[in-house]
Amino acid sequence: MKSTLFLLSGASALNSINLAYNANLNCGQCIMAGFNFCFEGKDAAPMALNSPAVTSTCCENNLCHESTDDTYSCSSSYTNLDYAITMCPQK
């Protein structure tokens, strides 16, 4: 039997997770726990497989230094959890 998933406006296919704040959470964990993930670089910019590690941090809110720095991209710029997860840097 096939299942069909319908998303209503504002609904998310992803479920949040309950994690204590830690600046070292990875991108997905940070966003899914309701925090603000910021990394140095432009959102959706392609990365080569041999590129160096991205400078990043999980911010507890929108008040961290990185969220006001124009050289960083942050998940808080998205209101939808599904779209926020797509901004995670990937090689």
Protein backbone atom coordinates (compact mmCIF):
# COMPACT_ATOMS: atom_id res chain seq x y z
CA MET A 1 0.00 0.00 0.00
CA LYS A 2 1.40 3.40 -0.98
CA SER A 3 1.47 6.30 1.45
CA THR A 4 0.94 9.85 0.31
CA LEU A 5 2.30 12.81 2.21
CA PHE A 6 0.50 16.12 1.90
CA LEU A 7 2.17 19.25 3.20
CA LEU A 8 -0.01 22.16 4.16
CA SER A 9 1.24 25.70 4.07
CA GLY A 10 3.62 26.20 6.98
CA ALA A 11 3.75 22.49 7.76
CA SER A 12 7.02 20.60 7.78
CA ALA A 13 7.86 17.06 6.77
CA LEU A 14 10.62 17.13 9.36
CA ASN A 15 10.20 16.75 13.10
CA SER A 16 12.19 18.79 15.57
CA ILE A 17 14.47 17.05 18.05
CA ASN A 18 15.15 17.79 21.69
CA LEU A 19 18.85 18.55 22.22
CA ALA A 20 20.59 20.79 24.71
CA TYR A 21 22.33 23.78 23.15
CA ASN A 22 25.94 23.21 22.16
CA ALA A 23 27.89 25.45 19.77
CA ASN A 24 29.43 22.33 18.21
CA LEU A 25 26.17 20.70 17.05
CA ASN A 26 26.34 19.84 13.36
CA CYS A 27 24.12 21.73 10.94
CA GLY A 28 21.20 19.31 10.88
CA GLN A 29 21.19 18.77 14.65
CA CYS A 30 21.42 22.50 15.31
CA ILE A 31 18.50 23.41 13.03
CA MET A 32 16.30 20.48 14.07
CA ALA A 33 16.81 21.40 17.75
CA GLY A 34 15.53 24.92 17.04
CA PHE A 35 18.84 26.76 17.08
CA ASN A 36 20.47 28.96 14.43
CA PHE A 37 23.26 27.38 12.35
CA CYS A 38 25.69 29.83 10.73
CA PHE A 39 28.60 29.11 8.42
CA GLU A 40 31.12 31.28 6.64
CA GLY A 41 30.20 31.46 2.98
CA LYS A 42 27.21 31.86 0.73
CA ASP A 43 24.16 29.65 1.05
CA ALA A 44 23.90 27.10 -1.78
CA ALA A 45 27.45 27.75 -3.01
CA PRO A 46 28.97 24.54 -4.42
CA MET A 47 31.87 23.00 -2.52
CA ALA A 48 34.60 20.86 -4.02
CA LEU A 49 35.26 17.46 -2.42
CA ASN A 50 38.78 18.55 -1.47
CA SER A 51 37.77 21.97 -0.09
CA PRO A 52 38.77 22.75 3.50
CA ALA A 53 36.31 22.47 6.38
CA VAL A 54 33.77 25.26 6.60
CA THR A 55 34.00 27.64 9.56
CA SER A 56 30.66 27.26 11.33
CA THR A 57 28.85 27.43 14.64
CA CYS A 58 25.50 26.61 16.15
CA CYS A 59 24.10 29.79 17.71
CA GLU A 60 21.56 29.61 20.50
CA ASN A 61 19.55 32.42 18.87
CA ASN A 62 19.81 35.24 16.32
CA LEU A 63 21.98 37.36 18.60
CA CYS A 64 25.33 35.68 17.95
CA HIS A 65 28.09 37.56 16.15
CA GLU A 66 27.90 35.33 13.07
CA SER A 67 24.23 36.10 12.45
CA THR A 68 25.06 39.78 11.90
CA ASP A 69 28.23 39.16 9.86
CA ASP A 70 27.65 39.52 6.09
CA THR A 71 30.27 36.85 5.35
CA TYR A 72 28.11 34.20 7.09
CA SER A 73 24.90 32.45 6.01
CA CYS A 74 22.48 31.45 8.78
CA SER A 75 19.52 29.12 8.99
CA SER A 76 17.47 31.79 10.77
CA SER A 77 16.97 33.47 7.39
CA TYR A 78 14.44 30.69 6.63
CA THR A 79 11.02 30.49 8.25
CA ASN A 80 10.44 26.92 7.04
CA LEU A 81 12.37 24.08 8.69
CA ASP A 82 12.54 22.06 5.46
CA TYR A 83 14.17 24.94 3.59
CA ALA A 84 16.51 25.73 6.50
CA ILE A 85 17.91 22.18 6.38
CA THR A 86 18.75 22.59 2.68
CA MET A 87 21.21 25.38 3.53
CA CYS A 88 23.54 22.98 5.37
CA PRO A 89 26.95 22.99 3.65
CA GLN A 90 27.64 19.73 1.85
CA LYS A 91 30.46 18.51 -0.34
